Amino acid sequence: MSHVTQSDLSRRDRAIMDARRSSELEGSQSTEATRQDQDEYVRGAIDLPQLGQRVRARYGLV
């Protein structure tokens, strides 16, 4: 993966927090496994396509 800047990390964190809040407002909550994947994305360990792939695979949507 290419270098992830502090600005990128801040944007990722905001996007994940917004997604989590949106789910909670709809009465749902992501699983612990999905939250761990989201945290890896925020830290820059994986990119957005990898995050999506993991979540889709978890629910058999590949």
C-alpha atoms as a PDB file:
ATOM      1  CA  MET A   1       0.000   0.000   0.000  1.00  0.00           C
ATOM      2  CA  SER A   2       1.206   3.508  -0.696  1.00  0.00           C
ATOM      3  CA  HIS A   3       2.090   5.988   2.018  1.00  0.00           C
ATOM      4  CA  VAL A   4      -0.934   7.184   4.001  1.00  0.00           C
ATOM      5  CA  THR A   5      -0.701  10.763   5.264  1.00  0.00           C
ATOM      6  CA  GLN A   6      -2.020  12.095   8.564  1.00  0.00           C
ATOM      7  CA  SER A   7      -4.680  13.930   6.574  1.00  0.00           C
ATOM      8  CA  ASP A   8      -5.712  10.625   4.969  1.00  0.00           C
ATOM      9  CA  LEU A   9      -5.924   8.991   8.396  1.00  0.00           C
ATOM     10  CA  SER A  10      -8.116  11.820   9.693  1.00  0.00           C
ATOM     11  CA  ARG A  11     -10.457  11.516   6.690  1.00  0.00           C
ATOM     12  CA  ARG A  12     -10.651   7.749   7.146  1.00  0.00           C
ATOM     13  CA  ASP A  13     -11.445   8.123  10.838  1.00  0.00           C
ATOM     14  CA  ARG A  14     -14.196  10.641  10.111  1.00  0.00           C
ATOM     15  CA  ALA A  15     -15.719   8.453   7.384  1.00  0.00           C
ATOM     16  CA  ILE A  16     -15.813   5.379   9.630  1.00  0.00           C
ATOM     17  CA  MET A  17     -17.230   7.318  12.589  1.00  0.00           C
ATOM     18  CA  ASP A  18     -19.922   8.763  10.289  1.00  0.00           C
ATOM     19  CA  ALA A  19     -20.771   5.294   8.956  1.00  0.00           C
ATOM     20  CA  ARG A  20     -21.011   3.872  12.472  1.00  0.00           C
ATOM     21  CA  ARG A  21     -23.237   6.743  13.634  1.00  0.00           C
ATOM     22  CA  SER A  22     -25.478   6.334  10.615  1.00  0.00           C
ATOM     23  CA  SER A  23     -25.895   2.613  11.342  1.00  0.00           C
ATOM     24  CA  GLU A  24     -26.662   3.314  14.984  1.00  0.00           C
ATOM     25  CA  LEU A  25     -29.261   5.932  14.059  1.00  0.00           C
ATOM     26  CA  GLU A  26     -30.934   3.268  11.913  1.00  0.00           C
ATOM     27  CA  GLY A  27     -30.987   0.913  14.905  1.00  0.00           C
ATOM     28  CA  SER A  28     -28.117  -1.274  13.778  1.00  0.00           C
ATOM     29  CA  GLN A  29     -24.507  -1.804  14.768  1.00  0.00           C
ATOM     30  CA  SER A  30     -21.639  -3.396  12.904  1.00  0.00           C
ATOM     31  CA  THR A  31     -20.178  -6.624  14.219  1.00  0.00           C
ATOM     32  CA  GLU A  32     -16.961  -6.683  16.218  1.00  0.00           C
ATOM     33  CA  ALA A  33     -15.175  -8.275  13.242  1.00  0.00           C
ATOM     34  CA  THR A  34     -16.341  -5.499  10.926  1.00  0.00           C
ATOM     35  CA  ARG A  35     -15.348  -2.865  13.474  1.00  0.00           C
ATOM     36  CA  GLN A  36     -11.872  -4.416  13.639  1.00  0.00           C
ATOM     37  CA  ASP A  37     -11.635  -4.255   9.842  1.00  0.00           C
ATOM     38  CA  GLN A  38     -12.782  -0.622   9.942  1.00  0.00           C
ATOM     39  CA  ASP A  39     -10.115   0.146  12.539  1.00  0.00           C
ATOM     40  CA  GLU A  40      -7.466  -1.424  10.297  1.00  0.00           C
ATOM     41  CA  TYR A  41      -8.662   0.809   7.473  1.00  0.00           C
ATOM     42  CA  VAL A  42      -8.464   3.899   9.692  1.00  0.00           C
ATOM     43  CA  ARG A  43      -4.890   2.986  10.715  1.00  0.00           C
ATOM     44  CA  GLY A  44      -3.905   2.566   7.064  1.00  0.00           C
ATOM     45  CA  ALA A  45      -3.252  -1.171   7.308  1.00  0.00           C
ATOM     46  CA  ILE A  46      -5.761  -1.886   4.514  1.00  0.00           C
ATOM     47  CA  ASP A  47      -7.332   0.240   1.792  1.00  0.00           C
ATOM     48  CA  LEU A  48     -11.012   0.837   1.028  1.00  0.00           C
ATOM     49  CA  PRO A  49     -11.333  -1.952  -1.581  1.00  0.00           C
ATOM     50  CA  GLN A  50      -9.829  -4.412   0.925  1.00  0.00           C
ATOM     51  CA  LEU A  51     -12.254  -3.262   3.608  1.00  0.00           C
ATOM     52  CA  GLY A  52     -15.175  -3.745   1.251  1.00  0.00           C
ATOM     53  CA  GLN A  53     -13.905  -7.148   0.169  1.00  0.00           C
ATOM     54  CA  ARG A  54     -13.587  -8.344   3.774  1.00  0.00           C
ATOM     55  CA  VAL A  55     -17.074  -7.207   4.697  1.00  0.00           C
ATOM     56  CA  ARG A  56     -18.660  -8.692   1.569  1.00  0.00           C
ATOM     57  CA  ALA A  57     -16.821 -12.000   2.124  1.00  0.00           C
ATOM     58  CA  ARG A  58     -17.985 -12.114   5.744  1.00  0.00           C
ATOM     59  CA  TYR A  59     -21.611 -11.989   4.598  1.00  0.00           C
ATOM     60  CA  GLY A  60     -21.198 -14.203   1.533  1.00  0.00           C
ATOM     61  CA  LEU A  61     -21.606 -11.361  -0.949  1.00  0.00           C
ATOM     62  CA  VAL A  62     -18.520 -12.061  -3.049  1.00  0.00           C
END
